[in-house]
Amino acid sequence: MISFPRLECLNSMTNMATIVADVDKKRVLCRISYESLRAKFGASDDKLLQSITINRTNIQEAAKRLIEQDHFEEDGSILIKSDDL
């Protein structure tokens, strides 16, 4: 079972936003670049977190598909790209 608690954060060092998925009682970090948020959702730099909130369903659906297809990065995270949304 995959669920998504309402946890998200921004990392200005990596220019990535992260949401969290719980997959069979394990935490999986699902990352999306600031660039993808801007390109796909028109997010401005000061509204990146708000963009995640507004587009949460789309982002979660993309993350769920990638998890179900076992598209994990080496560190166990999921990288959501613009094409995935």
N, C-alpha and C. Protein backbone atom coordinates (compact mmCIF):
# COMPACT_ATOMS: atom_id res chain seq x y z
N MET A 1 0.84 -1.18 0.00
CA MET A 1 0.00 0.00 0.00
C MET A 1 0.88 1.24 0.00
N ILE A 2 0.49 2.23 -0.78
CA ILE A 2 1.23 3.48 -0.89
C ILE A 2 0.33 4.61 -0.38
N SER A 3 0.85 5.36 0.58
CA SER A 3 0.12 6.53 1.07
C SER A 3 1.08 7.71 1.13
N PHE A 4 0.51 8.89 1.18
CA PHE A 4 1.31 10.11 1.15
C PHE A 4 0.94 11.01 2.32
N PRO A 5 1.74 10.99 3.38
CA PRO A 5 1.49 11.95 4.46
C PRO A 5 1.77 13.36 3.95
N ARG A 6 1.21 14.32 4.59
CA ARG A 6 1.38 15.70 4.13
C ARG A 6 2.72 16.26 4.62
N LEU A 7 3.78 15.73 4.05
CA LEU A 7 5.13 16.18 4.35
C LEU A 7 5.80 16.60 3.05
N GLU A 8 6.30 17.80 3.03
CA GLU A 8 7.05 18.27 1.88
C GLU A 8 8.08 19.29 2.35
N CYS A 9 9.14 19.40 1.58
CA CYS A 9 10.17 20.39 1.91
C CYS A 9 10.89 20.81 0.64
N LEU A 10 11.58 21.92 0.75
CA LEU A 10 12.40 22.44 -0.33
C LEU A 10 13.85 22.41 0.10
N ASN A 11 14.74 22.10 -0.83
CA ASN A 11 16.17 22.10 -0.55
C ASN A 11 16.84 23.02 -1.56
N SER A 12 17.21 24.21 -1.13
CA SER A 12 17.81 25.19 -2.03
C SER A 12 19.24 24.81 -2.42
N MET A 13 19.86 23.90 -1.69
CA MET A 13 21.21 23.43 -2.05
C MET A 13 21.16 22.55 -3.30
N THR A 14 20.11 21.73 -3.42
CA THR A 14 19.99 20.82 -4.56
C THR A 14 18.95 21.29 -5.57
N ASN A 15 18.22 22.35 -5.22
CA ASN A 15 17.12 22.85 -6.06
C ASN A 15 16.08 21.77 -6.33
N MET A 16 15.77 21.03 -5.26
CA MET A 16 14.78 19.95 -5.34
C MET A 16 13.73 20.14 -4.25
N ALA A 17 12.52 19.77 -4.60
CA ALA A 17 11.43 19.68 -3.62
C ALA A 17 11.22 18.19 -3.34
N THR A 18 10.81 17.89 -2.12
CA THR A 18 10.61 16.50 -1.74
C THR A 18 9.25 16.32 -1.09
N ILE A 19 8.53 15.27 -1.52
CA ILE A 19 7.35 14.82 -0.81
C ILE A 19 7.67 13.42 -0.31
N VAL A 20 6.88 12.93 0.61
CA VAL A 20 7.15 11.64 1.23
C VAL A 20 6.05 10.65 0.88
N ALA A 21 6.45 9.43 0.57
CA ALA A 21 5.50 8.33 0.38
C ALA A 21 5.79 7.28 1.43
N ASP A 22 4.75 6.70 1.98
CA ASP A 22 4.89 5.54 2.84
C ASP A 22 4.51 4.32 2.00
N VAL A 23 5.48 3.43 1.83
CA VAL A 23 5.30 2.24 0.99
C VAL A 23 5.55 1.02 1.87
N ASP A 24 4.47 0.30 2.16
CA ASP A 24 4.57 -0.89 3.01
C ASP A 24 5.36 -0.59 4.29
N LYS A 25 4.97 0.50 4.93
CA LYS A 25 5.55 0.95 6.21
C LYS A 25 7.00 1.43 6.10
N LYS A 26 7.46 1.73 4.88
CA LYS A 26 8.80 2.30 4.67
C LYS A 26 8.65 3.68 4.04
N ARG A 27 9.51 4.60 4.44
CA ARG A 27 9.51 5.95 3.90
C ARG A 27 10.27 6.00 2.59
N VAL A 28 9.68 6.60 1.59
CA VAL A 28 10.35 6.82 0.31
C VAL A 28 10.29 8.31 0.01
N LEU A 29 11.44 8.91 -0.23
CA LEU A 29 11.50 10.32 -0.61
C LEU A 29 11.26 10.43 -2.10
N CYS A 30 10.35 11.30 -2.47
CA CYS A 30 10.00 11.51 -3.88
C CYS A 30 10.40 12.94 -4.22
N ARG A 31 11.37 13.08 -5.11
CA ARG A 31 11.94 14.38 -5.40
C ARG A 31 11.51 14.88 -6.77
N ILE A 32 11.37 16.20 -6.83
CA ILE A 32 11.05 16.87 -8.08
C ILE A 32 11.85 18.17 -8.12
N SER A 33 12.46 18.45 -9.24
CA SER A 33 13.33 19.63 -9.33
C SER A 33 12.49 20.91 -9.38
N TYR A 34 13.11 21.99 -8.92
CA TYR A 34 12.46 23.29 -9.03
C TYR A 34 12.15 23.58 -10.49
N GLU A 35 13.08 23.20 -11.37
CA GLU A 35 12.90 23.43 -12.81
C GLU A 35 11.63 22.74 -13.32
N SER A 36 11.40 21.51 -12.87
CA SER A 36 10.19 20.79 -13.29
C SER A 36 8.93 21.47 -12.75
N LEU A 37 8.98 21.96 -11.52
CA LEU A 37 7.82 22.67 -10.96
C LEU A 37 7.53 23.94 -11.76
N ARG A 38 8.58 24.64 -12.15
CA ARG A 38 8.40 25.85 -12.95
C ARG A 38 7.83 25.51 -14.32
N ALA A 39 8.44 24.50 -14.98
CA ALA A 39 8.05 24.15 -16.35
C ALA A 39 6.65 23.57 -16.42
N LYS A 40 6.31 22.69 -15.51
CA LYS A 40 5.03 21.98 -15.59
C LYS A 40 3.87 22.77 -14.99
N PHE A 41 4.14 23.49 -13.89
CA PHE A 41 3.05 24.15 -13.17
C PHE A 41 3.16 25.67 -13.15
N GLY A 42 4.19 26.23 -13.79
CA GLY A 42 4.35 27.68 -13.82
C GLY A 42 4.70 28.28 -12.47
N ALA A 43 5.33 27.49 -11.62
CA ALA A 43 5.66 27.96 -10.27
C ALA A 43 6.76 29.01 -10.31
N SER A 44 6.58 30.08 -9.56
CA SER A 44 7.63 31.07 -9.41
C SER A 44 8.50 30.67 -8.22
N ASP A 45 9.69 31.25 -8.15
CA ASP A 45 10.63 30.86 -7.09
C ASP A 45 10.06 31.04 -5.70
N ASP A 46 9.22 32.03 -5.50
CA ASP A 46 8.66 32.27 -4.16
C ASP A 46 7.37 31.49 -3.91
N LYS A 47 6.93 30.70 -4.88
CA LYS A 47 5.69 29.92 -4.74
C LYS A 47 5.90 28.43 -5.00
N LEU A 48 7.11 27.94 -4.85
CA LEU A 48 7.39 26.53 -5.12
C LEU A 48 6.63 25.60 -4.18
N LEU A 49 6.66 25.90 -2.90
CA LEU A 49 5.95 25.05 -1.93
C LEU A 49 4.45 25.10 -2.16
N GLN A 50 3.94 26.29 -2.47
CA GLN A 50 2.51 26.44 -2.77
C GLN A 50 2.15 25.64 -4.02
N SER A 51 3.06 25.59 -4.99
CA SER A 51 2.82 24.81 -6.20
C SER A 51 2.68 23.33 -5.89
N ILE A 52 3.48 22.84 -4.95
CA ILE A 52 3.37 21.43 -4.54
C ILE A 52 2.01 21.18 -3.91
N THR A 53 1.58 22.09 -3.06
CA THR A 53 0.28 21.94 -2.39
C THR A 53 -0.85 21.93 -3.40
N ILE A 54 -0.83 22.86 -4.32
CA ILE A 54 -1.90 22.98 -5.32
C ILE A 54 -1.92 21.77 -6.26
N ASN A 55 -0.75 21.26 -6.60
CA ASN A 55 -0.64 20.17 -7.58
C ASN A 55 -0.32 18.83 -6.93
N ARG A 56 -0.60 18.73 -5.64
CA ARG A 56 -0.27 17.53 -4.85
C ARG A 56 -0.80 16.25 -5.50
N THR A 57 -2.03 16.24 -5.97
CA THR A 57 -2.62 15.03 -6.56
C THR A 57 -1.82 14.57 -7.77
N ASN A 58 -1.48 15.48 -8.67
CA ASN A 58 -0.71 15.13 -9.87
C ASN A 58 0.67 14.59 -9.49
N ILE A 59 1.31 15.24 -8.54
CA ILE A 59 2.65 14.83 -8.12
C ILE A 59 2.59 13.45 -7.46
N GLN A 60 1.61 13.25 -6.60
CA GLN A 60 1.46 11.96 -5.93
C GLN A 60 1.16 10.84 -6.93
N GLU A 61 0.32 11.10 -7.91
CA GLU A 61 0.01 10.08 -8.91
C GLU A 61 1.26 9.69 -9.70
N ALA A 62 2.09 10.69 -10.04
CA ALA A 62 3.33 10.40 -10.75
C ALA A 62 4.27 9.58 -9.87
N ALA A 63 4.38 9.97 -8.61
CA ALA A 63 5.24 9.24 -7.68
C ALA A 63 4.75 7.80 -7.51
N LYS A 64 3.46 7.63 -7.38
CA LYS A 64 2.89 6.29 -7.22
C LYS A 64 3.21 5.40 -8.42
N ARG A 65 3.05 5.94 -9.63
CA ARG A 65 3.37 5.17 -10.84
C ARG A 65 4.84 4.75 -10.85
N LEU A 66 5.72 5.68 -10.51
CA LEU A 66 7.15 5.38 -10.51
C LEU A 66 7.50 4.34 -9.46
N ILE A 67 6.88 4.42 -8.29
CA ILE A 67 7.10 3.43 -7.24
C ILE A 67 6.62 2.06 -7.70
N GLU A 68 5.43 2.01 -8.27
CA GLU A 68 4.86 0.74 -8.73
C GLU A 68 5.69 0.12 -9.85
N GLN A 69 6.39 0.97 -10.63
CA GLN A 69 7.24 0.49 -11.73
C GLN A 69 8.68 0.26 -11.27
N ASP A 70 8.92 0.41 -9.97
CA ASP A 70 10.27 0.22 -9.39
C ASP A 70 11.33 1.12 -10.01
N HIS A 71 10.98 2.38 -10.24
CA HIS A 71 11.93 3.35 -10.79
C HIS A 71 12.65 4.08 -9.66
N PHE A 72 13.32 3.32 -8.81
CA PHE A 72 14.03 3.89 -7.67
C PHE A 72 15.44 4.32 -8.07
N GLU A 73 15.90 5.40 -7.47
CA GLU A 73 17.28 5.83 -7.63
C GLU A 73 18.16 4.93 -6.74
N GLU A 74 19.46 5.04 -6.88
CA GLU A 74 20.38 4.22 -6.09
C GLU A 74 20.17 4.39 -4.59
N ASP A 75 19.78 5.60 -4.17
CA ASP A 75 19.59 5.87 -2.74
C ASP A 75 18.21 5.47 -2.23
N GLY A 76 17.38 4.88 -3.10
CA GLY A 76 16.05 4.44 -2.71
C GLY A 76 14.96 5.48 -2.90
N SER A 77 15.32 6.65 -3.38
CA SER A 77 14.34 7.71 -3.62
C SER A 77 13.73 7.56 -5.02
N ILE A 78 12.74 8.38 -5.27
CA ILE A 78 12.09 8.46 -6.58
C ILE A 78 12.37 9.85 -7.14
N LEU A 79 12.75 9.94 -8.40
CA LEU A 79 12.95 11.22 -9.06
C LEU A 79 11.82 11.43 -10.05
N ILE A 80 10.99 12.43 -9.80
CA ILE A 80 9.86 12.75 -10.67
C ILE A 80 10.32 13.81 -11.66
N LYS A 81 10.22 13.49 -12.93
CA LYS A 81 10.62 14.43 -13.98
C LYS A 81 9.38 15.04 -14.62
N SER A 82 9.57 16.13 -15.34
CA SER A 82 8.44 16.81 -15.99
C SER A 82 7.61 15.86 -16.84
N ASP A 83 8.29 14.96 -17.56
CA ASP A 83 7.59 14.01 -18.43
C ASP A 83 6.72 13.02 -17.65
N ASP A 84 7.02 12.85 -16.36
CA ASP A 84 6.25 11.92 -15.52
C ASP A 84 4.93 12.53 -15.06
N LEU A 85 4.83 13.84 -15.15
CA LEU A 85 3.63 14.54 -14.64
C LEU A 85 2.56 14.67 -15.70
